[in-house]
Amino acid sequence: MDSYLVCYDISDPKRLRKVARTCEDFGYRKQLSVFLVRVSVTDIVRLQKRLYDIINLDEDQVLFLPLSEAGLQRMETIGRPTDAHDKNDVVMVL
């Protein structure tokens, strides 16, 4: 399993909701437009394809930031706490 932060900036509220729901299918929300996604190589391609079909390529942006296991273990927050990352998390995609 590979880990990614998926961050997005979507200009249209309807597309924004679709992008958020799609990301929820693959990972869990860390902030309003930021998801932690732990997926196989096949599933990250599936996620990218689904998002590509939703967004407007001229107006929107989605970032996929790969994370190392060491980086995940060193994650820090300032302010409101975040849920601790559990290396045993399982993401099911139906």
C-alpha atoms as a PDB file:
ATOM      1  CA  MET A   1       0.000   0.000   0.000  1.00  0.00           C
ATOM      2  CA  ASP A   2       1.152   3.495  -0.863  1.00  0.00           C
ATOM      3  CA  SER A   3       0.120   6.624   1.026  1.00  0.00           C
ATOM      4  CA  TYR A   4      -0.802   9.973  -0.519  1.00  0.00           C
ATOM      5  CA  LEU A   5      -2.152  13.301   0.556  1.00  0.00           C
ATOM      6  CA  VAL A   6      -4.799  14.264  -1.967  1.00  0.00           C
ATOM      7  CA  CYS A   7      -5.467  18.011  -1.931  1.00  0.00           C
ATOM      8  CA  TYR A   8      -7.802  19.886  -4.210  1.00  0.00           C
ATOM      9  CA  ASP A   9      -8.989  23.333  -5.201  1.00  0.00           C
ATOM     10  CA  ILE A  10     -12.277  23.084  -7.102  1.00  0.00           C
ATOM     11  CA  SER A  11     -14.037  26.224  -8.352  1.00  0.00           C
ATOM     12  CA  ASP A  12     -17.581  24.876  -8.787  1.00  0.00           C
ATOM     13  CA  PRO A  13     -19.595  23.738  -5.695  1.00  0.00           C
ATOM     14  CA  LYS A  14     -21.230  20.849  -7.576  1.00  0.00           C
ATOM     15  CA  ARG A  15     -17.872  19.478  -8.763  1.00  0.00           C
ATOM     16  CA  LEU A  16     -16.424  20.126  -5.299  1.00  0.00           C
ATOM     17  CA  ARG A  17     -19.013  17.822  -3.703  1.00  0.00           C
ATOM     18  CA  LYS A  18     -18.360  15.125  -6.327  1.00  0.00           C
ATOM     19  CA  VAL A  19     -14.604  15.323  -5.770  1.00  0.00           C
ATOM     20  CA  ALA A  20     -15.049  15.108  -1.983  1.00  0.00           C
ATOM     21  CA  ARG A  21     -17.359  12.076  -2.266  1.00  0.00           C
ATOM     22  CA  THR A  22     -14.917  10.376  -4.615  1.00  0.00           C
ATOM     23  CA  CYS A  23     -12.001  10.965  -2.238  1.00  0.00           C
ATOM     24  CA  GLU A  24     -14.099   9.581   0.635  1.00  0.00           C
ATOM     25  CA  ASP A  25     -14.348   6.316  -1.332  1.00  0.00           C
ATOM     26  CA  PHE A  26     -10.560   5.930  -1.200  1.00  0.00           C
ATOM     27  CA  GLY A  27      -9.377   7.535   2.044  1.00  0.00           C
ATOM     28  CA  TYR A  28     -10.328   9.738   4.936  1.00  0.00           C
ATOM     29  CA  ARG A  29     -10.548  13.472   5.338  1.00  0.00           C
ATOM     30  CA  LYS A  30      -7.740  15.235   7.206  1.00  0.00           C
ATOM     31  CA  GLN A  31      -8.915  18.797   6.452  1.00  0.00           C
ATOM     32  CA  LEU A  32     -11.659  20.326   4.325  1.00  0.00           C
ATOM     33  CA  SER A  33      -9.879  19.728   1.017  1.00  0.00           C
ATOM     34  CA  VAL A  34      -7.202  17.260   2.140  1.00  0.00           C
ATOM     35  CA  PHE A  35      -7.490  13.478   2.278  1.00  0.00           C
ATOM     36  CA  LEU A  36      -5.075  10.788   3.450  1.00  0.00           C
ATOM     37  CA  VAL A  37      -5.307   7.925   1.005  1.00  0.00           C
ATOM     38  CA  ARG A  38      -3.641   4.512   1.498  1.00  0.00           C
ATOM     39  CA  VAL A  39      -4.124   2.526  -1.678  1.00  0.00           C
ATOM     40  CA  SER A  40      -2.553   0.083  -4.083  1.00  0.00           C
ATOM     41  CA  VAL A  41      -0.996   1.298  -7.324  1.00  0.00           C
ATOM     42  CA  THR A  42      -4.126   0.127  -9.159  1.00  0.00           C
ATOM     43  CA  ASP A  43      -6.427   2.064  -6.847  1.00  0.00           C
ATOM     44  CA  ILE A  44      -4.501   5.344  -7.096  1.00  0.00           C
ATOM     45  CA  VAL A  45      -4.886   5.118 -10.870  1.00  0.00           C
ATOM     46  CA  ARG A  46      -8.620   4.436 -10.419  1.00  0.00           C
ATOM     47  CA  LEU A  47      -8.925   7.468  -8.112  1.00  0.00           C
ATOM     48  CA  GLN A  48      -7.043   9.690 -10.573  1.00  0.00           C
ATOM     49  CA  LYS A  49      -9.245   8.524 -13.455  1.00  0.00           C
ATOM     50  CA  ARG A  50     -12.459   9.186 -11.526  1.00  0.00           C
ATOM     51  CA  LEU A  51     -11.287  12.665 -10.517  1.00  0.00           C
ATOM     52  CA  TYR A  52     -10.095  13.424 -14.045  1.00  0.00           C
ATOM     53  CA  ASP A  53     -13.627  12.711 -15.268  1.00  0.00           C
ATOM     54  CA  ILE A  54     -15.130  15.123 -12.691  1.00  0.00           C
ATOM     55  CA  ILE A  55     -12.923  18.190 -12.690  1.00  0.00           C
ATOM     56  CA  ASN A  56     -12.652  21.037 -15.162  1.00  0.00           C
ATOM     57  CA  LEU A  57      -9.031  20.872 -16.301  1.00  0.00           C
ATOM     58  CA  ASP A  58      -8.924  24.625 -16.956  1.00  0.00           C
ATOM     59  CA  GLU A  59     -10.357  25.725 -13.584  1.00  0.00           C
ATOM     60  CA  ASP A  60      -9.641  23.018 -10.988  1.00  0.00           C
ATOM     61  CA  GLN A  61      -6.565  21.349  -9.512  1.00  0.00           C
ATOM     62  CA  VAL A  62      -5.957  18.105  -7.643  1.00  0.00           C
ATOM     63  CA  LEU A  63      -2.572  17.333  -6.072  1.00  0.00           C
ATOM     64  CA  PHE A  64      -1.339  13.822  -5.246  1.00  0.00           C
ATOM     65  CA  LEU A  65       1.533  14.034  -2.765  1.00  0.00           C
ATOM     66  CA  PRO A  66       3.237  10.686  -2.078  1.00  0.00           C
ATOM     67  CA  LEU A  67       4.089  10.065   1.570  1.00  0.00           C
ATOM     68  CA  SER A  68       6.664   7.747   3.056  1.00  0.00           C
ATOM     69  CA  GLU A  69       5.879   5.608   6.085  1.00  0.00           C
ATOM     70  CA  ALA A  70       8.536   7.539   8.032  1.00  0.00           C
ATOM     71  CA  GLY A  71       6.883  10.818   7.046  1.00  0.00           C
ATOM     72  CA  LEU A  72       3.495   9.571   8.222  1.00  0.00           C
ATOM     73  CA  GLN A  73       4.930   8.581  11.593  1.00  0.00           C
ATOM     74  CA  ARG A  74       6.432  12.068  11.996  1.00  0.00           C
ATOM     75  CA  MET A  75       3.230  13.937  11.106  1.00  0.00           C
ATOM     76  CA  GLU A  76       2.636  16.876  13.461  1.00  0.00           C
ATOM     77  CA  THR A  77      -0.213  19.309  13.919  1.00  0.00           C
ATOM     78  CA  ILE A  78      -0.662  22.750  15.403  1.00  0.00           C
ATOM     79  CA  GLY A  79      -4.101  23.562  16.748  1.00  0.00           C
ATOM     80  CA  ARG A  80      -6.977  21.114  16.521  1.00  0.00           C
ATOM     81  CA  PRO A  81      -5.603  17.560  16.825  1.00  0.00           C
ATOM     82  CA  THR A  82      -5.746  15.112  13.962  1.00  0.00           C
ATOM     83  CA  ASP A  83      -6.546  11.439  14.230  1.00  0.00           C
ATOM     84  CA  ALA A  84      -3.433   9.370  14.683  1.00  0.00           C
ATOM     85  CA  HIS A  85      -2.390   7.499  11.562  1.00  0.00           C
ATOM     86  CA  ASP A  86      -2.743   3.771  11.997  1.00  0.00           C
ATOM     87  CA  LYS A  87      -0.544   1.683   9.727  1.00  0.00           C
ATOM     88  CA  ASN A  88      -3.181  -1.039   9.990  1.00  0.00           C
ATOM     89  CA  ASP A  89      -5.884   1.140   8.405  1.00  0.00           C
ATOM     90  CA  VAL A  90      -7.759  -0.646   5.661  1.00  0.00           C
ATOM     91  CA  VAL A  91      -9.494   1.207   2.867  1.00  0.00           C
ATOM     92  CA  MET A  92     -12.225  -0.702   1.061  1.00  0.00           C
ATOM     93  CA  VAL A  93     -13.343   0.454  -2.357  1.00  0.00           C
ATOM     94  CA  LEU A  94     -16.555  -1.035  -3.705  1.00  0.00           C
END
